[in-house]
C-alpha cells in the first residue's frame, strides 16, 4: 500500500509539471512547422534574409511552434554555431529605445564598441545597422523573434520595424524576422514604407473545430503516464536545449524533464487503463464535448486538466467521471442565468412576458405599458399573480432595468418621456430564460407552463 501511495503522488507531480512546463511539444501543424523550419534553415545555412508573421488566436500554439522548431534545429551544429537569437516582447519593450538596448545586449555588441558610450537613440541605431551592414552572407545569421508584433506597430514612426525589414531586404548580414501576433489585421497596421519592405509571408494557426475525436485522444495522452523507455527517449531532445545560448529565451531553463521520474510498470498500465476507460464513458464524452465547444485550444485543455489532477488525494487516487463532470460544469455557468434565478416570481413573469413579445414581434423594442398589458392577461387567469398592483409591477420592471436585464434604447433619461413609455430592448437570449425557468426553485407550475407557450 505505501508503494501505491508513493506512486500516485509521483504521478500527480509528474502530470502537473508536464502540463505546466512542457514548452516544446507541438501537436499538429506539421505543414506550418515545416515552413518555419525551412525558413530558419535557409537563413542559417544559405545566408538568406527572410521575414514571416505567425498569426493565430491566443493559446493556438504560436510560441510553442517557434520553441519546437528551434529545438528541432539544435541538433544541427551549423545552426547552433552560426545563429544568434534575439527575443523581443511588445509588452516589455514598449518603445524602440528599450528594444534597441535589448538587441544590443542580446547580440553582445558592447565588446565591439571599444568602450564607446551610446549617447542617443540615433547613435545606438546607427551602430547596430553598421554592424549588420558590415556583414555578408557568410556572417552569423540573426533570428529576431518579436512576440506581440502588433504592439511594435504602435511605436513612433515604426523605426525599428522599418530598419529590420530594410536589412532583411538587402544583401547584408542574414537576418530573419519572426513576428507573432493574434491580430488578423496586423498588415494594415504597418506604415506604407514598412509594408513595402515586408516579405508578406504569413502562417496562420487556427485550431480545427471539426476533430473532436483528436481532442479526446489529446486529453487521454495528456493524462497518461509514458513508460520508462519513452521517458528516456525524450530526454535526449530536452538535453539539447542546453545548446541554446540566448539570455532572453528562458523556456529551456525551466523546461520539464521526465528523466528524473521512474514508475512501476504495473502502476503505469493500471493508471492508463483506468483513465482511458473513464474518458470513453458517455458522461465524460458529454463534458469533453461541452469543453470543446467552449474553447478548442490545447492551452485551455491543459489548464483544465491541471485543475483536475490537482484534486487527486489519497482516498481518491484516480480521476473519476464525477470530478470531470463537476469541474466542466463550472465552465458552463452563466452569470445571467444565476441572476435570473435570484429574481422574484413577479420579476421572472415580466421577463417571460418580454420574451413572448420579442418572439411574436421579432425582437421589437418594448415599453412598460406593452409588457404590463401582456402580464395582465396572464394575471387574470393565474391564481398566483392576481391582485398585483400596477405600482408594484412598475417597481419590478425598474429593478430589471437596474440589473441590466433590459436596456433603454436611448440615454436621454426620463425627462422627455414618461418612464412607462420609454422603449427598451432585452439583454438576454431565449435559451438563458429557458434554463432559468427550468432551474428556478419552487416556481409555480402555471408560470413554467406560460414560459413554454404564449397562449393563455
Protein backbone atom coordinates (compact mmCIF):
# COMPACT_ATOMS: atom_id res chain seq x y z
CA UNK A 1 0.00 0.00 0.00
CA UNK A 2 2.78 2.53 0.81
CA UNK A 3 4.26 1.81 -2.63
CA UNK A 4 0.95 2.62 -4.32
CA UNK A 5 0.66 5.81 -2.30
CA UNK A 6 4.14 6.85 -3.34
CA UNK A 7 3.43 6.02 -6.98
CA UNK A 8 0.26 8.11 -7.26
CA UNK A 9 1.95 11.07 -5.54
CA UNK A 10 4.77 10.78 -8.06
CA UNK A 11 2.20 10.52 -10.89
CA UNK A 12 0.38 13.63 -9.69
CA UNK A 13 3.61 15.63 -9.54
CA UNK A 14 4.72 14.30 -12.95
CA UNK A 15 1.44 15.24 -14.67
CA UNK A 16 1.30 18.71 -13.06
CA UNK A 17 4.86 19.50 -14.13
CA UNK A 18 4.33 18.20 -17.67
CA UNK A 19 1.10 20.18 -18.09
CA UNK A 20 2.78 23.38 -16.88
CA UNK A 21 6.35 23.24 -18.16
CA UNK A 22 6.36 21.41 -21.50
CA UNK A 23 7.17 24.32 -23.84
CA UNK A 24 8.40 22.46 -26.94
CA UNK A 25 5.86 19.69 -27.62
CA UNK A 26 3.70 20.80 -30.53
CA UNK A 27 0.88 18.57 -31.72
CA UNK A 28 -0.39 19.02 -35.28
CA UNK A 29 0.51 21.94 -37.59
CA UNK A 30 3.03 19.79 -39.48
CA UNK A 31 2.96 21.94 -42.63
CA UNK A 32 3.30 25.22 -40.71
CA UNK A 33 6.13 23.76 -38.63
CA UNK A 34 7.96 22.65 -41.76
CA UNK A 35 7.61 26.12 -43.35
CA UNK A 36 9.13 27.91 -40.35
CA UNK A 37 11.90 25.30 -40.00
CA UNK A 38 12.90 25.63 -43.68
CA UNK A 39 12.90 29.41 -43.40
CA UNK A 40 15.29 29.37 -40.41
CA UNK A 41 17.48 26.72 -42.05
CA UNK A 42 17.88 28.82 -45.20
CA UNK A 43 18.81 31.83 -43.08
CA UNK A 44 21.41 29.88 -41.08
CA UNK A 45 22.92 27.74 -43.85
CA UNK A 46 22.50 29.76 -47.05
CA UNK A 47 22.61 33.28 -45.66
CA UNK A 48 19.13 34.21 -46.90
CA UNK A 49 17.29 37.03 -45.16
CA UNK A 50 13.59 36.49 -44.57
CA UNK A 51 10.59 37.80 -42.66
CA UNK A 52 7.43 35.99 -41.59
CA UNK A 53 4.35 36.56 -39.46
CA UNK A 54 2.73 33.84 -37.32
CA UNK A 55 -0.93 34.72 -36.83
CA UNK A 56 -3.49 32.89 -34.69
CA UNK A 57 -5.71 33.21 -31.61
CA UNK A 58 -4.23 33.16 -28.12
CA UNK A 59 -3.44 29.63 -26.96
CA UNK A 60 -3.22 28.26 -30.52
CA UNK A 61 0.48 27.35 -30.12
CA UNK A 62 2.37 30.12 -31.98
CA UNK A 63 5.16 30.49 -29.41
CA UNK A 64 5.27 26.72 -28.87
CA UNK A 65 5.75 26.27 -32.63
CA UNK A 66 8.80 28.57 -32.60
CA UNK A 67 10.18 26.80 -29.49
CA UNK A 68 9.64 23.40 -31.15
CA UNK A 69 11.36 24.49 -34.39
CA UNK A 70 14.35 25.92 -32.50
CA UNK A 71 14.61 22.67 -30.53
CA UNK A 72 14.50 20.66 -33.80
CA UNK A 73 17.32 22.76 -35.26
CA UNK A 74 19.60 22.41 -32.21
CA UNK A 75 20.75 19.00 -33.49
CA UNK A 76 22.18 20.87 -36.50
CA UNK A 77 25.66 22.02 -35.47
CA UNK A 78 25.90 24.66 -38.21
CA UNK A 79 22.69 26.29 -36.92
CA UNK A 80 23.98 26.39 -33.33
CA UNK A 81 27.37 27.84 -34.36
CA UNK A 82 26.12 30.36 -36.94
CA UNK A 83 22.94 31.77 -35.39
CA UNK A 84 22.16 34.41 -32.78
CA UNK A 85 18.63 34.51 -31.40
CA UNK A 86 17.19 37.87 -30.31
CA UNK A 87 13.87 37.75 -28.46
CA UNK A 88 11.69 40.85 -28.03
CA UNK A 89 8.24 41.20 -26.47
CA UNK A 90 5.87 44.07 -27.22
CA UNK A 91 4.63 44.05 -23.63
CA UNK A 92 8.16 44.53 -22.25
CA UNK A 93 9.84 46.61 -24.95
CA UNK A 94 7.31 49.41 -25.07
CA UNK A 95 9.34 51.75 -27.27
CA UNK A 96 12.19 51.48 -29.79
CA UNK A 97 14.80 52.82 -27.35
CA UNK A 98 14.23 49.95 -24.88
CA UNK A 99 14.01 47.40 -27.72
CA UNK A 100 17.26 48.64 -29.27
CA UNK A 101 19.09 48.42 -25.95
CA UNK A 102 17.86 44.84 -25.52
CA UNK A 103 19.00 43.94 -29.05
CA UNK A 104 22.45 45.40 -28.33
CA UNK A 105 22.73 43.34 -25.14
CA UNK A 106 21.49 40.10 -26.73
CA UNK A 107 23.80 40.46 -29.75
CA UNK A 108 26.70 41.18 -27.35
CA UNK A 109 27.68 44.28 -29.29
CA UNK A 110 29.09 46.10 -26.24
CA UNK A 111 32.51 44.46 -26.72
CA UNK A 112 32.62 45.56 -30.34
CA UNK A 113 32.02 49.16 -29.35
CA UNK A 114 35.57 49.69 -27.98
CA UNK A 115 34.19 51.36 -24.90
CA UNK A 116 32.06 53.75 -26.92
CA UNK A 117 29.04 55.07 -25.00
CA UNK A 118 25.83 55.48 -26.97
CA UNK A 119 24.71 58.98 -26.25
CA UNK A 120 21.39 58.82 -28.08
CA UNK A 121 18.89 56.53 -29.74
CA UNK A 122 20.14 57.63 -33.18
CA UNK A 123 23.75 56.65 -32.39
CA UNK A 124 22.65 53.32 -30.95
CA UNK A 125 20.60 52.56 -34.06
CA UNK A 126 23.39 53.70 -36.38
CA UNK A 127 25.89 51.42 -34.62
CA UNK A 128 23.55 48.42 -34.81
CA UNK A 129 22.86 48.99 -38.52
CA UNK A 130 26.57 49.44 -39.16
CA UNK A 131 27.27 46.07 -37.53
CA UNK A 132 24.56 44.37 -39.60
CA UNK A 133 25.52 46.08 -42.87
CA UNK A 134 29.21 45.30 -42.38
CA UNK A 135 28.41 41.60 -42.68
CA UNK A 136 27.71 39.48 -45.75
CA UNK A 137 26.11 36.11 -46.40
CA UNK A 138 28.96 34.35 -44.58
CA UNK A 139 28.35 36.30 -41.37
CA UNK A 140 26.49 34.91 -38.41
CA UNK A 141 22.76 34.99 -39.01
CA UNK A 142 20.46 36.73 -36.53
CA UNK A 143 16.91 35.50 -35.81
CA UNK A 144 14.64 38.19 -34.37
CA UNK A 145 11.56 36.80 -32.58
CA UNK A 146 9.02 39.59 -31.98
CA UNK A 147 6.24 38.50 -29.60
CA UNK A 148 3.09 40.69 -29.64
CA UNK A 149 4.19 42.06 -33.01
CA UNK A 150 1.15 44.34 -33.27
CA UNK A 151 2.39 46.36 -30.26
CA UNK A 152 5.62 47.18 -32.12
CA UNK A 153 3.44 48.75 -34.83
CA UNK A 154 2.35 51.40 -32.30
CA UNK A 155 5.93 52.67 -31.78
CA UNK A 156 6.75 56.13 -33.09
CA UNK A 157 7.33 56.04 -36.89
CA UNK A 158 7.85 52.25 -36.66
CA UNK A 159 11.59 52.98 -36.84
CA UNK A 160 12.73 49.60 -35.53
CA UNK A 161 10.47 47.57 -37.83
CA UNK A 162 11.46 49.70 -40.82
CA UNK A 163 15.19 49.14 -40.26
CA UNK A 164 14.84 45.40 -39.54
CA UNK A 165 12.77 44.80 -42.67
CA UNK A 166 15.10 47.05 -44.67
CA UNK A 167 18.13 44.97 -43.66
CA UNK A 168 16.22 41.75 -44.43
CA UNK A 169 15.57 43.01 -47.98
CA UNK A 170 19.19 43.93 -48.74
CA UNK A 171 22.29 41.81 -49.28
CA UNK A 172 23.77 42.41 -45.85
CA UNK A 173 24.16 40.23 -42.76
CA UNK A 174 21.49 37.48 -42.94
CA UNK A 175 18.60 38.12 -40.57
CA UNK A 176 15.21 36.51 -40.13
CA UNK A 177 12.35 38.46 -38.54
CA UNK A 178 9.62 36.27 -37.00
CA UNK A 179 6.57 38.21 -35.82
CA UNK A 180 3.99 36.59 -33.51
CA UNK A 181 0.55 38.17 -33.19
CA UNK A 182 -3.11 37.37 -32.63
CA UNK A 183 -4.40 40.25 -34.80
CA UNK A 184 -5.60 39.33 -38.28
CA UNK A 185 -5.38 42.95 -39.48
CA UNK A 186 -1.74 43.35 -38.46
CA UNK A 187 -0.58 44.08 -42.03
CA UNK A 188 -2.89 47.10 -42.13
CA UNK A 189 -1.14 48.50 -39.03
CA UNK A 190 2.18 48.78 -40.90
CA UNK A 191 3.16 52.08 -42.48
CA UNK A 192 3.46 52.11 -46.27
CA UNK A 193 7.28 52.22 -46.25
CA UNK A 194 7.42 49.32 -43.75
CA UNK A 195 4.81 47.28 -45.59
CA UNK A 196 6.76 47.58 -48.85
CA UNK A 197 9.83 46.00 -47.20
CA UNK A 198 7.94 43.13 -45.56
CA UNK A 199 8.00 39.82 -47.48
CA UNK A 200 4.24 39.26 -46.80
CA UNK A 201 4.86 35.67 -45.72
CA UNK A 202 2.11 34.77 -43.28
CA UNK A 203 1.50 31.48 -41.47
CA UNK A 204 -1.94 31.09 -39.89
CA UNK A 205 -2.51 28.81 -36.91
CA UNK A 206 -6.17 28.07 -36.32
CA UNK A 207 -7.25 25.01 -34.31
CA UNK A 208 -9.80 22.97 -36.23
CA UNK A 209 -13.30 22.77 -34.75
CA UNK A 210 -14.18 19.52 -36.59
CA UNK A 211 -11.92 16.99 -34.88
CA UNK A 212 -13.48 16.07 -31.56
CA UNK A 213 -12.01 12.55 -31.71
CA UNK A 214 -8.50 14.02 -31.84
CA UNK A 215 -9.40 16.27 -28.88
CA UNK A 216 -10.40 13.18 -26.86
CA UNK A 217 -7.14 11.43 -27.85
CA UNK A 218 -5.18 14.52 -26.80
CA UNK A 219 -6.94 14.52 -23.43
CA UNK A 220 -6.08 10.83 -22.96
CA UNK A 221 -2.45 11.46 -23.97
CA UNK A 222 -2.08 14.35 -21.50
CA UNK A 223 -3.47 12.21 -18.66
CA UNK A 224 -1.44 9.10 -19.48
CA UNK A 225 1.96 8.24 -17.99
CA UNK A 226 4.63 7.15 -20.51
CA UNK A 227 6.80 4.10 -19.97
CA UNK A 228 10.34 4.46 -18.63
CA UNK A 229 11.70 3.76 -22.12
CA UNK A 230 9.66 6.62 -23.62
CA UNK A 231 10.83 8.97 -20.85
CA UNK A 232 14.48 8.21 -21.61
CA UNK A 233 13.89 8.66 -25.36
CA UNK A 234 12.54 12.18 -24.83
CA UNK A 235 15.43 13.07 -22.50
CA UNK A 236 17.90 13.48 -25.41
CA UNK A 237 15.72 16.13 -27.03
CA UNK A 238 15.43 18.07 -23.76
CA UNK A 239 19.21 17.79 -23.12
CA UNK A 240 19.85 19.51 -26.46
CA UNK A 241 18.21 22.66 -25.06
CA UNK A 242 21.45 23.36 -23.19
CA UNK A 243 22.92 24.45 -26.54
CA UNK A 244 20.59 27.49 -26.54
CA UNK A 245 22.81 30.40 -25.53
CA UNK A 246 20.17 33.14 -25.69
CA UNK A 247 19.78 35.09 -22.45
CA UNK A 248 16.29 36.32 -23.34
CA UNK A 249 14.75 32.96 -24.28
CA UNK A 250 14.34 31.25 -20.92
CA UNK A 251 11.98 28.36 -21.69
CA UNK A 252 14.93 25.95 -21.83
CA UNK A 253 16.00 26.79 -18.26
CA UNK A 254 12.69 25.74 -16.71
CA UNK A 255 11.69 23.02 -19.15
CA UNK A 256 10.07 19.84 -17.89
CA UNK A 257 12.44 16.87 -17.81
CA UNK A 258 10.81 13.49 -17.25
CA UNK A 259 14.04 11.53 -16.94
CA UNK A 260 14.09 12.07 -13.17
CA UNK A 261 10.88 10.03 -12.85
CA UNK A 262 10.66 6.26 -12.84
CA UNK A 263 7.36 4.41 -12.48
CA UNK A 264 6.40 0.85 -11.74
CA UNK A 265 5.22 -0.79 -14.98
CA UNK A 266 2.13 -2.35 -13.34
CA UNK A 267 1.08 1.02 -11.91
CA UNK A 268 1.53 2.72 -15.31
CA UNK A 269 -0.58 0.05 -17.02
CA UNK A 270 -3.31 0.28 -14.37
CA UNK A 271 -3.31 4.12 -14.42
CA UNK A 272 -3.52 4.42 -18.21
CA UNK A 273 -6.16 1.69 -18.50
CA UNK A 274 -8.40 3.33 -15.86
CA UNK A 275 -8.28 6.79 -17.43
CA UNK A 276 -8.72 5.51 -20.98
CA UNK A 277 -11.89 3.71 -19.83
CA UNK A 278 -13.08 6.76 -17.88
CA UNK A 279 -12.74 9.07 -20.90
CA UNK A 280 -14.78 6.74 -23.13
CA UNK A 281 -17.84 6.86 -20.85
CA UNK A 282 -20.84 8.79 -22.22
CA UNK A 283 -20.85 11.26 -19.32
CA UNK A 284 -17.17 12.11 -19.80
CA UNK A 285 -17.67 12.44 -23.55
CA UNK A 286 -20.56 14.85 -22.99
CA UNK A 287 -18.42 17.01 -20.66
CA UNK A 288 -15.48 16.97 -23.10
CA UNK A 289 -17.81 17.97 -25.94
CA UNK A 290 -19.01 20.94 -23.88
CA UNK A 291 -15.38 21.97 -23.20
CA UNK A 292 -14.58 21.55 -26.90
CA UNK A 293 -17.47 23.85 -27.81
CA UNK A 294 -16.31 26.34 -25.17
CA UNK A 295 -12.63 26.51 -26.23
CA UNK A 296 -10.83 24.22 -28.67
CA UNK A 297 -7.25 25.28 -27.83
CA UNK A 298 -4.75 22.89 -26.28
CA UNK A 299 -3.70 25.56 -23.74
CA UNK A 300 -7.24 25.66 -22.31
CA UNK A 301 -7.39 21.86 -22.08
CA UNK A 302 -4.06 21.78 -20.22
CA UNK A 303 -5.32 24.33 -17.67
CA UNK A 304 -8.49 22.29 -17.20
CA UNK A 305 -6.59 19.02 -16.71
CA UNK A 306 -4.17 20.69 -14.28
CA UNK A 307 -7.11 21.61 -12.04
CA UNK A 308 -8.39 18.05 -12.38
CA UNK A 309 -5.05 16.43 -11.48
CA UNK A 310 -4.68 18.79 -8.50
CA UNK A 311 -7.80 17.18 -6.97
CA UNK A 312 -6.11 13.77 -6.58
CA UNK A 313 -5.99 12.68 -2.93
CA UNK A 314 -5.02 9.51 -1.02
CA UNK A 315 -8.67 8.45 -0.77
CA UNK A 316 -9.25 9.31 -4.49
CA UNK A 317 -6.03 8.20 -6.24
CA UNK A 318 -7.63 8.25 -9.73
CA UNK A 319 -9.60 10.87 -11.63
CA UNK A 320 -13.30 9.99 -11.67
CA UNK A 321 -16.09 10.85 -14.09
CA UNK A 322 -17.87 12.79 -11.34
CA UNK A 323 -14.81 15.01 -10.80
CA UNK A 324 -14.53 15.66 -14.54
CA UNK A 325 -18.23 16.50 -14.86
CA UNK A 326 -18.28 18.76 -11.78
CA UNK A 327 -15.26 20.75 -12.93
CA UNK A 328 -16.59 21.06 -16.50
CA UNK A 329 -19.91 22.36 -15.15
CA UNK A 330 -18.06 25.38 -13.71
CA UNK A 331 -17.17 26.50 -17.24
CA UNK A 332 -20.78 26.09 -18.35
CA UNK A 333 -22.08 28.51 -15.71
CA UNK A 334 -23.79 31.68 -16.93
CA UNK A 335 -23.97 34.71 -14.65
CA UNK A 336 -27.14 35.94 -16.32
CA UNK A 337 -28.91 32.64 -15.53
CA UNK A 338 -27.80 32.87 -11.89
CA UNK A 339 -29.15 36.43 -11.82
CA UNK A 340 -32.49 35.30 -13.27
CA UNK A 341 -32.77 32.53 -10.69
CA UNK A 342 -32.39 35.17 -7.97
CA UNK A 343 -35.35 37.25 -9.19
CA UNK A 344 -38.77 37.23 -7.57
CA UNK A 345 -41.60 35.31 -9.29
CA UNK A 346 -43.17 38.64 -10.37
CA UNK A 347 -39.92 39.82 -12.00
CA UNK A 348 -39.49 36.47 -13.75
CA UNK A 349 -43.08 36.77 -15.05
CA UNK A 350 -42.18 40.14 -16.58
CA UNK A 351 -39.13 38.55 -18.23
CA UNK A 352 -41.38 35.82 -19.68
CA UNK A 353 -43.83 38.49 -20.94
CA UNK A 354 -40.92 40.31 -22.62
CA UNK A 355 -39.76 37.01 -24.15
CA UNK A 356 -43.18 36.35 -25.69
CA UNK A 357 -43.35 39.89 -27.05
CA UNK A 358 -39.88 39.53 -28.60
CA UNK A 359 -40.76 36.18 -30.18
CA UNK A 360 -44.02 37.45 -31.69
CA UNK A 361 -42.70 40.81 -32.91
CA UNK A 362 -39.16 39.70 -33.88
CA UNK A 363 -37.32 41.40 -31.01
CA UNK A 364 -39.04 44.75 -31.47
CA UNK A 365 -38.39 47.24 -28.63
CA UNK A 366 -40.98 47.45 -25.86
CA UNK A 367 -42.04 49.73 -23.01
CA UNK A 368 -43.64 49.10 -19.64
CA UNK A 369 -47.20 49.51 -20.96
CA UNK A 370 -46.72 46.78 -23.58
CA UNK A 371 -45.24 44.36 -21.03
CA UNK A 372 -47.87 45.21 -18.40
CA UNK A 373 -50.71 44.54 -20.86
CA UNK A 374 -49.29 41.08 -21.68
CA UNK A 375 -48.65 40.33 -18.00
CA UNK A 376 -52.21 41.43 -17.07
CA UNK A 377 -53.69 38.84 -19.47
CA UNK A 378 -51.76 36.12 -17.67
CA UNK A 379 -52.59 37.55 -14.20
CA UNK A 380 -56.34 37.38 -14.89
CA UNK A 381 -56.25 33.59 -15.33
CA UNK A 382 -53.48 32.98 -12.80
CA UNK A 383 -54.06 32.06 -9.16
CA UNK A 384 -50.57 33.26 -8.19
CA UNK A 385 -50.42 36.69 -9.79
CA UNK A 386 -53.92 38.02 -9.14
CA UNK A 387 -54.39 41.43 -7.49
CA UNK A 388 -50.82 42.67 -8.04
CA UNK A 389 -50.92 46.44 -8.10
CA UNK A 390 -49.62 48.34 -11.11
CA UNK A 391 -47.15 50.36 -8.99
CA UNK A 392 -45.55 47.13 -7.71
CA UNK A 393 -45.23 45.79 -11.26
CA UNK A 394 -43.63 49.08 -12.34
CA UNK A 395 -41.13 48.80 -9.48
CA UNK A 396 -40.28 45.24 -10.57
CA UNK A 397 -39.80 46.49 -14.17
CA UNK A 398 -37.39 49.19 -12.94
CA UNK A 399 -35.48 46.54 -10.98
CA UNK A 400 -34.95 44.59 -14.22
CA UNK A 401 -33.54 47.74 -15.78
CA UNK A 402 -31.17 48.35 -12.84
CA UNK A 403 -29.95 44.74 -13.16
CA UNK A 404 -29.30 45.41 -16.90
CA UNK A 405 -31.52 42.50 -17.94
CA UNK A 406 -33.31 45.06 -20.11
CA UNK A 407 -31.59 48.09 -21.60
CA UNK A 408 -33.06 51.50 -22.58
CA UNK A 409 -32.69 52.37 -26.25
CA UNK A 410 -31.59 55.96 -25.51
CA UNK A 411 -29.55 57.60 -22.78
CA UNK A 412 -31.65 60.74 -22.80
CA UNK A 413 -33.13 59.88 -19.39
CA UNK A 414 -36.79 60.06 -18.41
CA UNK A 415 -37.10 63.84 -18.60
CA UNK A 416 -38.62 63.93 -22.08
CA UNK A 417 -40.55 60.64 -21.97
CA UNK A 418 -42.54 59.19 -19.09
CA UNK A 419 -40.82 56.10 -17.73
CA UNK A 420 -43.87 53.93 -18.54
CA UNK A 421 -43.44 54.73 -22.25
CA UNK A 422 -39.64 54.65 -22.57
CA UNK A 423 -38.59 51.99 -25.08
CA UNK A 424 -36.28 49.15 -24.04
CA UNK A 425 -34.60 46.10 -25.56
CA UNK A 426 -33.94 42.71 -23.98
CA UNK A 427 -30.34 41.88 -22.98
CA UNK A 428 -30.96 38.11 -22.73
CA UNK A 429 -31.21 35.15 -25.07
CA UNK A 430 -34.23 32.87 -25.18
CA UNK A 431 -32.00 29.96 -24.11
CA UNK A 432 -30.93 31.78 -20.94
CA UNK A 433 -34.56 32.43 -19.98
CA UNK A 434 -35.48 28.80 -20.69
CA UNK A 435 -32.64 27.47 -18.49
CA UNK A 436 -33.53 29.89 -15.69
CA UNK A 437 -37.17 28.69 -15.72
CA UNK A 438 -36.00 25.07 -15.50
CA UNK A 439 -33.60 25.77 -12.60
CA UNK A 440 -35.82 28.17 -10.64
CA UNK A 441 -36.62 26.71 -7.23
CA UNK A 442 -40.35 26.28 -6.37
CA UNK A 443 -41.59 28.08 -9.49
CA UNK A 444 -45.41 27.85 -9.78
CA UNK A 445 -46.44 25.31 -12.42
CA UNK A 446 -48.65 27.77 -14.32
CA UNK A 447 -45.71 30.21 -14.67
CA UNK A 448 -43.49 27.42 -16.01
CA UNK A 449 -46.22 26.43 -18.48
CA UNK A 450 -46.68 30.06 -19.56
CA UNK A 451 -42.93 30.27 -20.27
CA UNK A 452 -43.34 27.41 -22.78
CA UNK A 453 -46.24 28.97 -24.69
CA UNK A 454 -47.62 32.50 -25.06
CA UNK A 455 -51.15 31.08 -25.40
CA UNK A 456 -53.14 31.62 -22.21
